[in-house]
Protein backbone atom coordinates (compact mmCIF):
# COMPACT_ATOMS: atom_id res chain seq x y z
CA MET A 1 -64.47 0.18 35.89
CA SER A 2 -62.68 1.82 32.99
CA GLU A 3 -61.67 5.46 33.36
CA SER A 4 -63.70 6.46 30.29
CA LEU A 5 -66.87 5.04 31.86
CA ALA A 6 -66.06 6.71 35.19
CA ARG A 7 -65.58 10.03 33.41
CA ARG A 8 -68.92 9.64 31.66
CA VAL A 9 -70.65 8.93 34.97
CA ALA A 10 -69.03 12.01 36.50
CA ARG A 11 -70.03 14.16 33.52
CA LEU A 12 -73.62 12.98 33.52
CA VAL A 13 -74.08 13.31 37.26
CA SER A 14 -72.25 16.56 37.91
CA GLY A 15 -72.25 18.33 34.55
CA GLY A 16 -75.21 16.96 32.65
CA PHE A 17 -77.36 20.01 33.18
CA HIS A 18 -74.70 22.44 31.95
CA ALA A 19 -74.06 20.38 28.81
CA MET A 20 -77.79 20.26 28.20
CA LEU A 21 -78.12 24.03 28.59
CA ASP A 22 -75.31 24.65 26.09
CA LYS A 23 -76.99 22.39 23.53
CA ALA A 24 -80.41 23.88 24.18
CA GLU A 25 -79.28 27.24 22.80
CA ASP A 26 -79.47 25.84 19.27
CA CYS A 27 -81.87 22.90 19.77
CA MET A 28 -85.30 22.17 21.15
CA PRO A 29 -84.95 21.80 24.94
CA GLU A 30 -87.29 18.80 24.99
CA ALA A 31 -85.18 16.87 22.47
CA VAL A 32 -81.99 17.69 24.38
CA MET A 33 -83.46 16.54 27.70
CA GLN A 34 -84.79 13.31 26.17
CA GLU A 35 -81.39 12.51 24.68
CA ASN A 36 -79.75 13.20 28.05
CA ILE A 37 -82.15 10.75 29.71
CA ARG A 38 -81.39 8.10 27.07
CA GLU A 39 -77.66 8.54 27.66
CA LEU A 40 -78.22 8.13 31.40
CA GLU A 41 -80.10 4.88 30.74
CA ARG A 42 -77.32 3.54 28.50
CA THR A 43 -74.68 4.40 31.09
CA ILE A 44 -76.71 2.78 33.89
CA ASP A 45 -76.79 -0.44 31.82
CA GLU A 46 -73.02 -0.29 31.29
CA VAL A 47 -72.30 0.29 34.98
CA ARG A 48 -74.60 -2.59 35.94
CA THR A 49 -72.77 -4.85 33.47
CA GLU A 50 -69.47 -3.84 35.06
CA LEU A 51 -70.95 -4.49 38.50
CA GLY A 52 -71.93 -7.99 37.40
CA LYS A 53 -68.33 -8.71 36.36
CA VAL A 54 -67.01 -7.44 39.70
CA LEU A 55 -69.49 -9.60 41.63
CA ALA A 56 -68.38 -12.66 39.63
CA GLN A 57 -64.72 -11.89 40.38
CA LYS A 58 -65.56 -11.42 44.06
CA HIS A 59 -67.30 -14.79 44.16
CA LEU A 60 -64.30 -16.54 42.59
CA ALA A 61 -61.84 -14.81 44.94
CA THR A 62 -63.95 -15.75 47.98
CA LYS A 63 -64.13 -19.39 46.90
CA LYS A 64 -60.41 -19.58 46.12
CA LEU A 65 -59.52 -18.03 49.48
CA ALA A 66 -61.69 -20.55 51.32
CA ASP A 67 -60.17 -23.43 49.33
CA GLU A 68 -56.63 -22.29 50.10
CA ASN A 69 -57.35 -21.97 53.83
CA ASN A 70 -58.95 -25.42 53.90
CA ARG A 71 -55.98 -26.92 52.07
CA HIS A 72 -53.57 -25.26 54.53
CA GLU A 73 -55.42 -26.85 57.47
CA GLN A 74 -55.51 -30.22 55.71
CA LEU A 75 -51.76 -30.06 55.13
CA ALA A 76 -51.16 -29.32 58.82
CA ASP A 77 -52.86 -32.60 59.74
CA GLN A 78 -50.95 -34.50 57.05
CA ILE A 79 -47.62 -33.04 58.18
CA ALA A 80 -48.31 -34.12 61.76
CA THR A 81 -49.17 -37.63 60.56
CA ALA A 82 -45.97 -37.80 58.48
CA LEU A 83 -43.84 -36.78 61.47
CA ASP A 84 -45.50 -39.38 63.67
CA ALA A 85 -44.60 -41.97 61.03
CA GLY A 86 -41.00 -40.75 60.85
CA ARG A 87 -41.40 -39.47 57.28
CA GLU A 88 -39.61 -36.13 57.39
CA ASP A 89 -39.41 -36.08 53.59
CA LEU A 90 -43.19 -36.05 53.34
CA ALA A 91 -43.44 -33.47 56.11
CA LYS A 92 -41.02 -31.19 54.24
CA ALA A 93 -43.10 -31.50 51.05
CA GLY A 94 -46.22 -30.54 52.99
CA ILE A 95 -44.50 -27.55 54.59
CA ALA A 96 -43.31 -26.39 51.17
CA GLU A 97 -46.88 -26.41 49.89
CA GLN A 98 -48.06 -24.55 53.00
CA LEU A 99 -45.50 -21.82 52.30
CA ASP A 100 -46.78 -21.50 48.74
CA ILE A 101 -50.33 -21.13 50.03
CA GLU A 102 -49.24 -18.51 52.57
CA ALA A 103 -47.62 -16.54 49.75
CA ARG A 104 -50.86 -16.57 47.76
CA LEU A 105 -53.23 -15.68 50.60
CA PRO A 106 -52.36 -11.94 50.80
CA VAL A 107 -52.89 -11.60 47.04
CA LEU A 108 -56.30 -13.25 47.25
CA GLU A 109 -57.26 -11.15 50.28
CA GLN A 110 -56.27 -7.97 48.44
CA SER A 111 -58.21 -9.07 45.37
CA LEU A 112 -61.28 -9.64 47.54
CA ALA A 113 -60.87 -6.22 49.17
CA ASP A 114 -60.50 -4.57 45.75
CA CYS A 115 -63.66 -6.27 44.49
CA SER A 116 -65.59 -5.11 47.55
CA SER A 117 -64.34 -1.55 47.04
CA GLN A 118 -65.31 -1.61 43.35
CA GLU A 119 -68.71 -3.05 44.23
CA ARG A 120 -69.41 -0.16 46.62
CA GLU A 121 -68.22 2.38 44.05
CA LEU A 122 -70.35 0.92 41.25
CA ASP A 123 -73.41 0.68 43.52
CA ALA A 124 -72.96 4.37 44.34
CA PHE A 125 -72.64 5.23 40.63
CA VAL A 126 -75.86 3.37 39.79
CA ALA A 127 -77.70 5.14 42.61
CA ALA A 128 -76.36 8.54 41.48
CA LEU A 129 -77.28 7.92 37.84
CA LEU A 130 -80.78 6.78 38.77
CA ALA A 131 -81.23 9.89 40.91
CA LYS A 132 -80.06 12.08 38.02
CA LYS A 133 -82.43 10.29 35.65
CA ARG A 134 -85.37 10.95 37.98
CA GLU A 135 -84.29 14.58 38.26
CA MET A 136 -84.05 14.96 34.48
CA GLN A 137 -87.39 13.25 33.94
CA ALA A 138 -89.02 15.58 36.47
CA ALA A 139 -87.45 18.58 34.71
CA LEU A 140 -88.74 17.34 31.35
CA ASP A 141 -92.24 16.84 32.77
CA ASP A 142 -92.15 20.35 34.27
CA TRP A 143 -91.04 21.78 30.93
CA LYS A 144 -93.87 20.01 29.10
CA ARG A 145 -96.42 21.33 31.58
CA ALA A 146 -95.01 24.82 31.19
CA GLN A 147 -95.27 24.55 27.40
CA ALA A 148 -98.86 23.36 27.65
CA SER A 149 -99.81 26.50 29.56
CA ILE A 150 -98.08 28.89 27.17
CA GLY A 151 -100.41 30.98 25.06
CA GLY A 152 -97.94 32.46 22.53
CA ALA A 153 -94.44 32.06 21.13
CA THR A 154 -93.02 35.07 22.99
CA SER A 155 -94.25 34.02 26.38
CA GLY A 156 -93.10 30.49 25.54
CA SER A 157 -89.59 31.73 24.93
CA GLY A 158 -89.58 33.45 28.30
CA ALA A 159 -90.81 30.29 30.02
CA ASP A 160 -88.03 28.30 28.32
CA SER A 161 -85.43 30.70 29.69
CA ASN A 162 -86.95 30.49 33.17
CA LYS A 163 -86.90 26.70 33.12
CA MET A 164 -83.32 26.55 31.86
CA ALA A 165 -82.22 28.92 34.65
CA GLN A 166 -83.89 26.67 37.23
CA LEU A 167 -82.15 23.61 35.78
CA GLU A 168 -78.77 25.34 35.92
CA ARG A 169 -79.25 26.22 39.58
CA ALA A 170 -80.17 22.59 40.31
CA ALA A 171 -77.00 21.42 38.61
CA GLU A 172 -74.85 23.71 40.74
CA GLN A 173 -76.50 22.47 43.94
CA ASN A 174 -76.25 18.74 43.17
CA GLY A 175 -72.87 18.40 41.44
CA VAL A 176 -70.40 19.06 44.28
CA GLN A 177 -70.49 15.61 45.88
CA PHE A 178 -69.14 13.91 42.75
CA ASN A 179 -65.93 15.94 42.39
CA ARG A 180 -63.65 13.08 43.51
CA VAL A 181 -64.98 10.40 41.17
CA LEU A 182 -61.90 10.38 38.89
CA GLN A 183 -59.14 9.97 41.51
CA ARG A 184 -56.89 7.14 40.46
CA GLN A 185 -53.43 5.90 41.49
CA GLY A 186 -50.59 5.48 38.98
CA GLY A 187 -47.97 2.71 38.79
CA ILE A 188 -44.17 2.92 38.95
CA GLY A 189 -41.93 1.02 36.55
CA ILE A 190 -39.22 -1.22 38.02
CA ALA A 191 -36.02 -1.93 36.12
CA SER A 192 -35.13 -5.62 35.56
CA PRO A 193 -31.76 -6.93 36.84
CA ASP A 194 -29.27 -8.48 34.42
CA ALA A 195 -29.06 -12.27 34.00
CA ALA A 196 -26.28 -12.84 36.55
CA GLN A 197 -27.98 -10.73 39.17
CA ALA A 198 -31.30 -12.44 38.50
CA ALA A 199 -29.70 -15.88 38.96
CA ALA A 200 -28.08 -14.78 42.22
CA LEU A 201 -31.36 -13.40 43.51
CA GLN A 202 -33.14 -16.64 42.61
CA GLU A 203 -30.51 -18.68 44.45
CA LEU A 204 -30.86 -16.41 47.46
CA SER A 205 -34.62 -16.87 47.36
CA ASP A 206 -34.25 -20.67 47.20
CA LEU A 207 -31.89 -20.66 50.19
CA GLY A 208 -34.34 -18.56 52.16
CA ARG A 209 -37.18 -20.93 51.32
CA GLU A 210 -35.13 -23.99 52.39
CA ALA A 211 -34.35 -22.24 55.66
CA GLN A 212 -38.06 -21.56 56.22
CA ILE A 213 -38.90 -25.21 55.62
CA ALA A 214 -36.15 -26.41 57.95
CA ALA A 215 -37.17 -23.96 60.68
CA ARG A 216 -40.82 -24.97 60.55
CA LEU A 217 -39.92 -28.66 60.49
CA ALA A 218 -37.70 -28.21 63.54
CA ALA A 219 -40.46 -26.37 65.37
CA LEU A 220 -42.96 -29.13 64.63
CA LYS A 221 -40.53 -31.83 65.76
CA ALA A 222 -39.86 -29.93 68.97
CA LYS A 223 -43.55 -29.97 69.94
CA PRO A 224 -44.35 -32.46 72.72
């Protein structure tokens, strides 16, 4: 979820009442509360859309992870068959592909974990926004009932002030649990090596890979 959307969720859930009270000084409280409810509804729709994207990504990551694991097992059988037939060249090719799969698996597992974490966060945001919407709707209904029982403009003004004070107290009681909603981690830039160093590092990587293939091949050949 984008930081701007996360900030809006945090504002609506933890600070919506205070913003409403500030606006209500110069506007009709009913209009302000209705607009706040509409903004909550729009944000709920946006969060649900984001949740749908995350669920789609999670599905793709789960499928890809299963496919990679199945392919790794299939290669193990093919490598054993190649060794039985005396085809070390084919066995080496299979081992090389296994190593590539093993390099991708942690990335896919992390992607799946990230999707699950985002899913939980977005579910919590939807629940919090729905709770705030119910709270705002109840406050609006209370305000309307209070207005209906008012006999004159002066007493109406006093009732408005009373209701706004109650709303402010509710905001203070319910906002604390959302204080950590904007915590995010930053990245660190890494300088690129020059061309010669990059070539040397690539050669070193290739040598290491060849050693891995040779070691695994030797281990498979040593099995009874």
